[in-house]
Every structure is written in structure tokens, then in C-alpha cells.
């Protein structure tokens, strides 16, 4: 894993990376569980690599901050 993560708007956001990678790790876990297969390595590492590599498509929903 090399480089710096850039979100869809070209900005670096570590929190966003963690959230997207966590969702991808859950998806990978579900995939391997349904396929009755053993992942070749930890799914968290695979998820982070997939996010860094641009293989994960996602959209950011803007919540209304005034409702917090």
C-alpha cells in the first residue's frame, strides 16, 4: 500500500478512508463466508488496499449538520 488516499473530491480524509474500508471489509467477510472460502489474508488489509487502489466505488451522503 503506497501513496496517499484521495477521496472523490480529491481531498485527503483519513476518517473517510476508515469508514469506507470498514464497509468493504464487512462486504469481503460476507463474500468469503457465503463462498465457504478462506480469505488469502486479513480482510481488513485487503479492504484498505482495494480502497487505495480505487477498486471500491462509493458515494458520500451529506447529512444536515443542523440536526446534530
N, C-alpha and C. Protein backbone atom coordinates (compact mmCIF):
# COMPACT_ATOMS: atom_id res chain seq x y z
N UNK A 1 0.84 -1.16 0.00
CA UNK A 1 0.00 0.00 0.00
C UNK A 1 0.89 1.23 0.00
N UNK A 2 0.79 2.00 -1.04
CA UNK A 2 1.60 3.20 -1.13
C UNK A 2 0.73 4.38 -1.51
N UNK A 3 1.25 5.55 -1.32
CA UNK A 3 0.54 6.75 -1.72
C UNK A 3 -0.36 7.28 -0.62
N UNK A 4 -1.08 8.31 -0.95
CA UNK A 4 -1.99 8.94 -0.01
C UNK A 4 -3.40 8.80 -0.55
N UNK A 5 -4.33 8.47 0.32
CA UNK A 5 -5.72 8.31 -0.09
C UNK A 5 -6.31 9.66 -0.48
N UNK A 6 -6.99 9.69 -1.60
CA UNK A 6 -7.71 10.88 -2.05
C UNK A 6 -9.15 10.47 -2.30
N UNK A 7 -10.06 11.16 -1.66
CA UNK A 7 -11.48 10.88 -1.83
C UNK A 7 -11.99 11.34 -3.19
N UNK A 8 -13.29 11.21 -3.41
CA UNK A 8 -13.85 11.57 -4.71
C UNK A 8 -13.69 13.04 -5.06
N UNK A 9 -13.53 13.90 -4.07
CA UNK A 9 -13.36 15.32 -4.33
C UNK A 9 -11.88 15.71 -4.37
N UNK A 10 -10.98 14.72 -4.33
CA UNK A 10 -9.55 14.97 -4.40
C UNK A 10 -8.94 15.41 -3.09
N UNK A 11 -9.70 15.30 -2.00
CA UNK A 11 -9.21 15.72 -0.69
C UNK A 11 -8.81 14.50 0.13
N UNK A 12 -7.80 14.66 0.96
CA UNK A 12 -7.35 13.59 1.84
C UNK A 12 -8.20 13.60 3.11
N UNK A 13 -8.80 12.45 3.44
CA UNK A 13 -9.64 12.37 4.62
C UNK A 13 -9.46 10.98 5.23
N UNK A 14 -8.71 10.89 6.31
CA UNK A 14 -8.41 9.59 6.92
C UNK A 14 -9.65 8.95 7.52
N UNK A 15 -10.53 9.75 8.10
CA UNK A 15 -11.76 9.21 8.69
C UNK A 15 -12.61 8.55 7.60
N UNK A 16 -12.73 9.21 6.47
CA UNK A 16 -13.49 8.66 5.35
C UNK A 16 -12.88 7.35 4.88
N UNK A 17 -11.56 7.29 4.80
CA UNK A 17 -10.87 6.06 4.41
C UNK A 17 -11.23 4.92 5.36
N UNK A 18 -11.21 5.19 6.66
CA UNK A 18 -11.51 4.16 7.65
C UNK A 18 -12.94 3.66 7.51
N UNK A 19 -13.87 4.57 7.32
CA UNK A 19 -15.28 4.18 7.20
C UNK A 19 -15.51 3.35 5.94
N UNK A 20 -14.97 3.79 4.82
CA UNK A 20 -15.15 3.06 3.56
C UNK A 20 -14.46 1.70 3.63
N UNK A 21 -13.25 1.65 4.18
CA UNK A 21 -12.53 0.37 4.29
C UNK A 21 -13.25 -0.59 5.23
N UNK A 22 -13.85 -0.08 6.30
CA UNK A 22 -14.60 -0.94 7.22
C UNK A 22 -15.81 -1.55 6.52
N UNK A 23 -16.51 -0.76 5.73
CA UNK A 23 -17.66 -1.28 4.98
C UNK A 23 -17.21 -2.31 3.95
N UNK A 24 -16.09 -2.07 3.30
CA UNK A 24 -15.57 -3.02 2.33
C UNK A 24 -15.12 -4.31 3.02
N UNK A 25 -14.54 -4.20 4.20
CA UNK A 25 -14.13 -5.40 4.95
C UNK A 25 -15.35 -6.25 5.33
N UNK A 26 -16.43 -5.59 5.72
CA UNK A 26 -17.67 -6.33 6.02
C UNK A 26 -18.19 -7.04 4.78
N UNK A 27 -18.12 -6.35 3.64
CA UNK A 27 -18.58 -6.95 2.38
C UNK A 27 -17.72 -8.16 2.02
N UNK A 28 -16.39 -8.03 2.17
CA UNK A 28 -15.48 -9.14 1.88
C UNK A 28 -15.72 -10.31 2.82
N UNK A 29 -15.92 -10.03 4.11
CA UNK A 29 -16.22 -11.10 5.07
C UNK A 29 -17.46 -11.86 4.66
N UNK A 30 -18.50 -11.14 4.27
CA UNK A 30 -19.74 -11.77 3.84
C UNK A 30 -19.51 -12.62 2.59
N UNK A 31 -18.72 -12.09 1.65
CA UNK A 31 -18.43 -12.84 0.42
C UNK A 31 -17.73 -14.17 0.73
N UNK A 32 -16.68 -14.11 1.54
CA UNK A 32 -15.94 -15.33 1.86
C UNK A 32 -16.79 -16.31 2.67
N UNK A 33 -17.63 -15.80 3.53
CA UNK A 33 -18.50 -16.66 4.33
C UNK A 33 -19.49 -17.39 3.42
N UNK A 34 -20.09 -16.66 2.48
CA UNK A 34 -21.06 -17.29 1.58
C UNK A 34 -20.40 -18.27 0.61
N UNK A 35 -19.16 -17.97 0.21
CA UNK A 35 -18.44 -18.85 -0.71
C UNK A 35 -17.79 -20.02 0.01
N UNK A 36 -17.91 -20.04 1.34
CA UNK A 36 -17.27 -21.08 2.15
C UNK A 36 -15.78 -21.16 1.86
N UNK A 37 -15.16 -20.01 1.70
CA UNK A 37 -13.74 -19.93 1.37
C UNK A 37 -12.98 -19.22 2.48
N UNK A 38 -11.70 -19.49 2.53
CA UNK A 38 -10.83 -18.82 3.49
C UNK A 38 -10.13 -17.67 2.78
N UNK A 39 -10.21 -16.46 3.33
CA UNK A 39 -9.52 -15.34 2.68
C UNK A 39 -8.01 -15.57 2.64
N UNK A 40 -7.34 -15.13 1.57
CA UNK A 40 -5.90 -15.34 1.46
C UNK A 40 -5.11 -14.54 2.49
N UNK A 41 -5.68 -13.46 3.00
CA UNK A 41 -5.06 -12.66 4.06
C UNK A 41 -6.17 -11.92 4.80
N UNK A 42 -5.81 -11.16 5.79
CA UNK A 42 -6.81 -10.46 6.58
C UNK A 42 -7.66 -9.55 5.70
N UNK A 43 -8.97 -9.64 5.87
CA UNK A 43 -9.86 -8.86 5.01
C UNK A 43 -9.72 -7.37 5.24
N UNK A 44 -9.28 -6.96 6.43
CA UNK A 44 -9.09 -5.52 6.66
C UNK A 44 -7.96 -4.98 5.79
N UNK A 45 -6.88 -5.73 5.65
CA UNK A 45 -5.79 -5.31 4.77
C UNK A 45 -6.22 -5.29 3.31
N UNK A 46 -6.96 -6.30 2.93
CA UNK A 46 -7.47 -6.37 1.56
C UNK A 46 -8.39 -5.18 1.28
N UNK A 47 -9.24 -4.84 2.23
CA UNK A 47 -10.18 -3.74 2.05
C UNK A 47 -9.44 -2.41 1.90
N UNK A 48 -8.45 -2.16 2.74
CA UNK A 48 -7.69 -0.91 2.64
C UNK A 48 -6.96 -0.83 1.31
N UNK A 49 -6.37 -1.93 0.87
CA UNK A 49 -5.69 -1.94 -0.43
C UNK A 49 -6.66 -1.67 -1.57
N UNK A 50 -7.86 -2.25 -1.47
CA UNK A 50 -8.87 -2.04 -2.52
C UNK A 50 -9.32 -0.58 -2.56
N UNK A 51 -9.47 0.04 -1.40
CA UNK A 51 -9.87 1.45 -1.36
C UNK A 51 -8.76 2.32 -1.93
N UNK A 52 -7.52 2.08 -1.50
CA UNK A 52 -6.38 2.85 -2.02
C UNK A 52 -6.23 2.67 -3.53
N UNK A 53 -6.47 1.47 -4.01
CA UNK A 53 -6.31 1.18 -5.43
C UNK A 53 -7.44 1.68 -6.31
N UNK A 54 -8.48 2.23 -5.70
CA UNK A 54 -9.59 2.76 -6.48
C UNK A 54 -10.57 1.70 -6.96
N UNK A 55 -10.56 0.53 -6.35
CA UNK A 55 -11.44 -0.56 -6.76
C UNK A 55 -12.78 -0.54 -6.05
N UNK A 56 -12.95 0.38 -5.11
CA UNK A 56 -14.19 0.45 -4.34
C UNK A 56 -14.92 1.73 -4.74
N UNK A 57 -16.14 1.57 -5.24
CA UNK A 57 -16.96 2.72 -5.61
C UNK A 57 -17.86 3.07 -4.44
N UNK A 58 -17.94 4.34 -4.12
CA UNK A 58 -18.80 4.78 -3.03
C UNK A 58 -19.22 6.22 -3.25
N UNK A 59 -20.28 6.60 -2.57
CA UNK A 59 -20.78 7.98 -2.64
C UNK A 59 -20.91 8.50 -1.21
N UNK A 60 -20.71 9.79 -1.07
CA UNK A 60 -20.80 10.42 0.24
C UNK A 60 -22.14 11.12 0.33
N UNK A 61 -22.89 10.79 1.38
CA UNK A 61 -24.16 11.45 1.62
C UNK A 61 -23.93 12.58 2.60
N UNK A 62 -24.32 13.77 2.22
CA UNK A 62 -24.18 14.92 3.11
C UNK A 62 -25.38 14.99 4.05
N UNK A 63 -25.11 14.82 5.34
CA UNK A 63 -26.16 14.94 6.34
C UNK A 63 -26.33 16.41 6.69
N UNK A 64 -27.52 16.76 7.08
CA UNK A 64 -27.79 18.13 7.52
C UNK A 64 -27.16 18.30 8.89
N UNK A 65 -26.12 19.14 8.99
CA UNK A 65 -25.39 19.30 10.25
C UNK A 65 -26.22 19.98 11.31
N UNK A 66 -27.28 20.68 10.93
CA UNK A 66 -28.08 21.38 11.93
C UNK A 66 -28.91 20.41 12.76
N UNK A 67 -29.05 19.16 12.32
CA UNK A 67 -29.83 18.19 13.08
C UNK A 67 -29.02 17.48 14.15
N UNK A 68 -27.74 17.81 14.29
CA UNK A 68 -26.87 17.16 15.28
C UNK A 68 -27.09 17.75 16.64
